[in-house]
């Protein structure tokens, strides 16, 4: 019965987009600037004339490995040389067998080349269209306002029928334990913990649930069943505390990634529309 979390966990969850947004984010993430390639003397085993690949291949792979955090060293350079030499030898053997002429393999090669080109273009577009700080701040303020200034530690029992919920409330009024009655709940995630939903902001829940929750006094349960699209709830408030919201600088990178995905989604839609798609 919960929505996407909008507390501290929300800021991380918000960047976990689905569908084209998720794909756009992955593609839009600016590539980490490669570290400057240090001049490390070539080991004796990799002397000039023994390598059978273009030097540009080596430079690209070395920059890629360094950008991934691998330290520059003779061992890394040797490993790249070995990899490139092996690749070239295997490529030659594949061509001897005519595999490069195979229709399906040619399509796979074309798709791979297309992927590299698209990734490069999207990264370039994202760099040329940065998210304004004002837009990021506005998004942060919107989320913060949705979270509110309070968090609630709440329990619930979820059932299919109103009469069943009323029966549970009657049992609570007679002194039966909420935790015991929670075994009747159809919410598998909370029933094993006495209906416990832990600490949450009101915005984490569907509106009928949150509206009823915030009206409760600490230690009290709802006197009438609360209906949502999930069924009928009996809600108990255990405690209330001030909300703990991360500051803007802490979540700025996640917000930027999320909004970059939104910007790319809009750009992709416009591009398809311009091409009659």
Protein backbone atom coordinates (compact mmCIF):
# COMPACT_ATOMS: atom_id res chain seq x y z
CA UNK A 1 0.00 0.00 0.00
CA UNK A 2 3.04 2.21 -0.08
CA UNK A 3 4.22 4.50 -2.84
CA UNK A 4 7.85 5.10 -3.84
CA UNK A 5 9.66 6.11 -0.61
CA UNK A 6 10.04 9.89 -0.24
CA UNK A 7 12.18 9.92 2.90
CA UNK A 8 15.97 9.58 2.76
CA UNK A 9 15.54 6.37 0.82
CA UNK A 10 13.32 8.21 -1.65
CA UNK A 11 16.16 10.25 -3.00
CA UNK A 12 17.97 7.10 -4.01
CA UNK A 13 14.81 5.39 -5.20
CA UNK A 14 13.84 8.33 -7.37
CA UNK A 15 16.81 7.74 -9.62
CA UNK A 16 15.80 4.12 -10.17
CA UNK A 17 13.62 4.96 -13.15
CA UNK A 18 11.78 2.39 -15.22
CA UNK A 19 11.40 1.91 -18.95
CA UNK A 20 12.98 4.48 -21.21
CA UNK A 21 13.86 6.71 -18.28
CA UNK A 22 16.16 4.08 -16.82
CA UNK A 23 17.75 3.49 -20.19
CA UNK A 24 18.13 7.18 -20.73
CA UNK A 25 19.83 7.65 -17.39
CA UNK A 26 22.38 4.96 -18.14
CA UNK A 27 23.12 6.48 -21.49
CA UNK A 28 23.09 10.03 -20.17
CA UNK A 29 25.51 9.54 -17.33
CA UNK A 30 28.47 11.72 -18.31
CA UNK A 31 31.54 9.65 -18.92
CA UNK A 32 34.16 10.06 -16.23
CA UNK A 33 37.02 12.14 -17.54
CA UNK A 34 39.93 9.84 -18.23
CA UNK A 35 43.00 10.33 -16.16
CA UNK A 36 46.05 11.62 -17.88
CA UNK A 37 47.99 8.65 -19.17
CA UNK A 38 51.29 8.54 -17.41
CA UNK A 39 54.35 7.57 -19.35
CA UNK A 40 55.36 4.22 -17.95
CA UNK A 41 58.37 2.56 -19.56
CA UNK A 42 57.36 -0.41 -21.70
CA UNK A 43 58.53 -3.70 -20.25
CA UNK A 44 61.09 -5.66 -22.18
CA UNK A 45 58.50 -8.32 -23.11
CA UNK A 46 56.48 -5.78 -25.12
CA UNK A 47 59.10 -4.30 -27.40
CA UNK A 48 58.23 -2.46 -30.60
CA UNK A 49 57.37 -4.68 -33.54
CA UNK A 50 55.70 -7.46 -31.58
CA UNK A 51 52.30 -5.84 -31.34
CA UNK A 52 49.90 -6.50 -34.23
CA UNK A 53 47.16 -4.00 -33.36
CA UNK A 54 46.82 -0.27 -34.09
CA UNK A 55 48.35 1.90 -31.39
CA UNK A 56 45.10 3.89 -31.17
CA UNK A 57 43.39 0.75 -29.83
CA UNK A 58 45.87 0.60 -26.98
CA UNK A 59 45.42 4.28 -26.14
CA UNK A 60 41.62 3.99 -26.01
CA UNK A 61 41.63 0.86 -23.84
CA UNK A 62 44.22 2.31 -21.47
CA UNK A 63 42.19 5.49 -20.98
CA UNK A 64 39.10 3.38 -20.41
CA UNK A 65 40.76 1.23 -17.74
CA UNK A 66 42.23 4.27 -16.01
CA UNK A 67 38.83 6.00 -15.98
CA UNK A 68 37.46 2.91 -14.23
CA UNK A 69 39.94 3.44 -11.42
CA UNK A 70 42.65 0.96 -12.34
CA UNK A 71 46.13 2.31 -11.53
CA UNK A 72 48.56 2.79 -14.38
CA UNK A 73 51.31 0.22 -14.20
CA UNK A 74 53.49 -1.97 -16.42
CA UNK A 75 51.25 -4.90 -15.47
CA UNK A 76 48.12 -3.11 -16.69
CA UNK A 77 49.79 -2.10 -19.95
CA UNK A 78 51.06 -5.63 -20.49
CA UNK A 79 47.58 -7.03 -19.89
CA UNK A 80 46.10 -4.62 -22.44
CA UNK A 81 48.75 -5.55 -24.99
CA UNK A 82 48.10 -9.24 -24.47
CA UNK A 83 44.36 -8.68 -24.81
CA UNK A 84 44.67 -6.65 -28.00
CA UNK A 85 47.12 -9.04 -29.60
CA UNK A 86 44.85 -11.98 -28.78
CA UNK A 87 41.83 -10.14 -30.13
CA UNK A 88 43.62 -9.41 -33.38
CA UNK A 89 44.73 -13.02 -33.80
CA UNK A 90 41.22 -14.30 -33.14
CA UNK A 91 39.75 -11.72 -35.51
CA UNK A 92 42.06 -12.92 -38.27
CA UNK A 93 41.07 -16.52 -37.64
CA UNK A 94 37.38 -15.56 -37.73
CA UNK A 95 37.83 -13.81 -41.06
CA UNK A 96 39.65 -16.82 -42.48
CA UNK A 97 36.53 -18.85 -41.70
CA UNK A 98 34.35 -16.18 -43.30
CA UNK A 99 32.45 -15.43 -40.12
CA UNK A 100 32.55 -11.72 -40.90
CA UNK A 101 30.43 -12.50 -43.97
CA UNK A 102 27.73 -14.27 -41.95
CA UNK A 103 24.52 -12.20 -42.19
CA UNK A 104 23.51 -12.51 -38.53
CA UNK A 105 27.01 -11.76 -37.28
CA UNK A 106 27.19 -8.71 -39.56
CA UNK A 107 23.95 -7.42 -38.03
CA UNK A 108 25.34 -7.94 -34.52
CA UNK A 109 28.48 -6.04 -35.49
CA UNK A 110 26.38 -3.21 -36.92
CA UNK A 111 24.26 -3.04 -33.77
CA UNK A 112 27.36 -2.93 -31.59
CA UNK A 113 28.79 -0.07 -33.66
CA UNK A 114 25.43 1.71 -33.45
CA UNK A 115 25.37 1.34 -29.66
CA UNK A 116 28.79 2.95 -29.32
CA UNK A 117 27.78 5.83 -31.59
CA UNK A 118 24.47 6.40 -29.80
CA UNK A 119 26.15 6.34 -26.38
CA UNK A 120 28.68 8.91 -27.55
CA UNK A 121 25.98 11.16 -28.99
CA UNK A 122 23.78 10.99 -25.89
CA UNK A 123 26.74 11.80 -23.64
CA UNK A 124 27.59 14.74 -25.90
CA UNK A 125 23.97 15.96 -25.86
CA UNK A 126 23.80 15.70 -22.06
CA UNK A 127 27.02 17.69 -21.74
CA UNK A 128 25.63 20.40 -24.02
CA UNK A 129 22.33 20.50 -22.13
CA UNK A 130 23.18 20.56 -18.42
CA UNK A 131 20.44 20.64 -15.80
CA UNK A 132 20.13 24.20 -14.42
CA UNK A 133 20.84 24.53 -10.71
CA UNK A 134 17.51 26.30 -10.30
CA UNK A 135 15.67 23.27 -11.70
CA UNK A 136 17.53 20.94 -9.36
CA UNK A 137 16.76 23.13 -6.35
CA UNK A 138 13.09 23.29 -7.35
CA UNK A 139 12.92 19.49 -7.62
CA UNK A 140 14.55 19.15 -4.20
CA UNK A 141 12.10 21.62 -2.64
CA UNK A 142 9.15 19.78 -4.20
CA UNK A 143 10.26 16.44 -2.79
CA UNK A 144 11.04 17.96 0.58
CA UNK A 145 7.56 19.47 0.78
CA UNK A 146 6.03 16.08 -0.06
CA UNK A 147 8.00 14.47 2.73
CA UNK A 148 6.77 16.98 5.29
CA UNK A 149 8.34 17.59 8.68
CA UNK A 150 7.14 14.44 10.47
CA UNK A 151 7.71 10.70 10.20
CA UNK A 152 5.33 8.10 11.60
CA UNK A 153 6.01 4.65 13.01
CA UNK A 154 2.84 2.83 12.08
CA UNK A 155 1.30 -0.65 11.99
CA UNK A 156 -1.62 -1.92 9.97
CA UNK A 157 -3.80 -4.94 9.34
CA UNK A 158 -5.04 -5.31 5.76
CA UNK A 159 -8.10 -7.41 4.90
CA UNK A 160 -10.44 -7.80 1.93
CA UNK A 161 -13.77 -7.00 3.55
CA UNK A 162 -15.01 -4.10 5.67
CA UNK A 163 -16.87 -6.43 8.04
CA UNK A 164 -13.64 -8.30 8.76
CA UNK A 165 -11.87 -5.01 9.51
CA UNK A 166 -14.71 -4.02 11.85
CA UNK A 167 -14.39 -7.36 13.63
CA UNK A 168 -10.65 -6.72 14.15
CA UNK A 169 -11.38 -3.26 15.57
CA UNK A 170 -13.94 -4.78 17.96
CA UNK A 171 -11.33 -7.29 19.13
CA UNK A 172 -8.81 -4.48 19.72
CA UNK A 173 -11.40 -2.57 21.74
CA UNK A 174 -11.77 -5.67 23.90
CA UNK A 175 -8.04 -5.62 24.63
CA UNK A 176 -6.64 -8.12 22.15
CA UNK A 177 -3.08 -7.43 20.98
CA UNK A 178 -2.64 -5.69 17.64
CA UNK A 179 0.44 -7.80 16.88
CA UNK A 180 -1.55 -11.01 17.33
CA UNK A 181 -4.46 -9.84 15.20
CA UNK A 182 -1.98 -8.80 12.49
CA UNK A 183 -1.60 -12.49 11.69
CA UNK A 184 -4.94 -12.12 9.86
CA UNK A 185 -3.49 -9.45 7.55
CA UNK A 186 -3.10 -10.16 3.85
CA UNK A 187 0.03 -7.97 3.69
CA UNK A 188 2.82 -10.59 3.77
CA UNK A 189 5.54 -8.03 4.29
CA UNK A 190 4.20 -6.71 7.59
CA UNK A 191 2.04 -9.49 9.06
CA UNK A 192 5.10 -11.43 10.23
CA UNK A 193 6.20 -8.34 12.20
CA UNK A 194 2.92 -7.61 13.91
CA UNK A 195 1.81 -5.32 11.09
CA UNK A 196 4.88 -3.08 11.51
CA UNK A 197 5.55 -0.71 8.58
CA UNK A 198 8.48 1.01 10.30
CA UNK A 199 9.13 4.77 10.06
CA UNK A 200 7.65 6.56 7.05
CA UNK A 201 6.58 9.96 5.83
CA UNK A 202 2.88 10.41 4.98
CA UNK A 203 3.76 10.74 1.29
CA UNK A 204 5.02 7.15 1.35
CA UNK A 205 1.44 5.90 1.57
CA UNK A 206 -1.67 6.15 -0.54
CA UNK A 207 -3.79 9.14 0.46
CA UNK A 208 -6.64 7.42 2.36
CA UNK A 209 -4.06 5.61 4.50
CA UNK A 210 -1.90 8.68 5.21
CA UNK A 211 -4.93 10.91 5.90
CA UNK A 212 -6.13 8.50 8.58
CA UNK A 213 -2.64 7.93 9.98
CA UNK A 214 -1.79 11.59 10.63
CA UNK A 215 -5.04 12.08 12.59
CA UNK A 216 -4.21 9.33 15.07
CA UNK A 217 -2.85 9.96 18.55
CA UNK A 218 0.23 8.03 19.61
CA UNK A 219 -0.73 4.52 20.73
CA UNK A 220 -4.23 4.70 19.20
CA UNK A 221 -5.80 2.77 16.32
CA UNK A 222 -8.44 3.75 13.78
CA UNK A 223 -11.97 3.47 15.17
CA UNK A 224 -13.36 2.70 11.71
CA UNK A 225 -11.85 0.76 8.80
CA UNK A 226 -9.88 2.73 6.20
CA UNK A 227 -10.46 1.78 2.58
CA UNK A 228 -7.81 2.02 -0.16
CA UNK A 229 -7.31 0.34 -3.51
CA UNK A 230 -5.56 -2.45 -1.62
CA UNK A 231 -8.46 -3.33 0.66
CA UNK A 232 -9.53 -2.35 4.19
CA UNK A 233 -6.97 -1.20 6.76
CA UNK A 234 -6.91 -1.06 10.53
CA UNK A 235 -4.11 1.35 11.41
CA UNK A 236 -2.24 1.89 14.67
CA UNK A 237 0.21 4.72 15.36
CA UNK A 238 3.17 3.71 17.52
CA UNK A 239 5.20 6.94 17.47
CA UNK A 240 5.94 10.25 15.71
CA UNK A 241 9.25 12.05 15.21
CA UNK A 242 10.75 14.92 13.25
CA UNK A 243 11.57 13.94 9.67
CA UNK A 244 15.22 13.42 8.80
CA UNK A 245 15.68 14.86 5.32
CA UNK A 246 19.11 14.90 3.64
CA UNK A 247 20.27 18.35 2.58
CA UNK A 248 20.41 19.52 -1.02
CA UNK A 249 24.13 18.95 -1.55
CA UNK A 250 23.86 15.34 -0.32
CA UNK A 251 21.26 14.39 -2.91
CA UNK A 252 22.22 16.74 -5.75
CA UNK A 253 24.04 14.02 -7.78
CA UNK A 254 21.01 11.69 -7.61
CA UNK A 255 18.64 14.51 -8.48
CA UNK A 256 20.82 15.47 -11.42
CA UNK A 257 20.83 11.91 -12.73
CA UNK A 258 17.07 11.63 -12.35
CA UNK A 259 16.33 14.94 -14.07
CA UNK A 260 18.83 14.19 -16.81
CA UNK A 261 16.80 11.08 -17.54
CA UNK A 262 13.65 13.21 -17.72
CA UNK A 263 15.32 15.71 -20.06
CA UNK A 264 16.46 12.87 -22.33
CA UNK A 265 13.00 11.32 -22.35
CA UNK A 266 11.59 14.63 -23.54
CA UNK A 267 14.31 14.97 -26.17
CA UNK A 268 13.72 11.42 -27.47
CA UNK A 269 9.97 12.09 -27.75
CA UNK A 270 10.57 15.34 -29.64
CA UNK A 271 13.04 13.63 -31.96
CA UNK A 272 10.56 10.84 -32.77
CA UNK A 273 7.76 13.38 -33.29
CA UNK A 274 9.86 15.40 -35.71
CA UNK A 275 10.41 12.25 -37.72
CA UNK A 276 6.74 11.32 -37.76
CA UNK A 277 7.04 8.50 -35.23
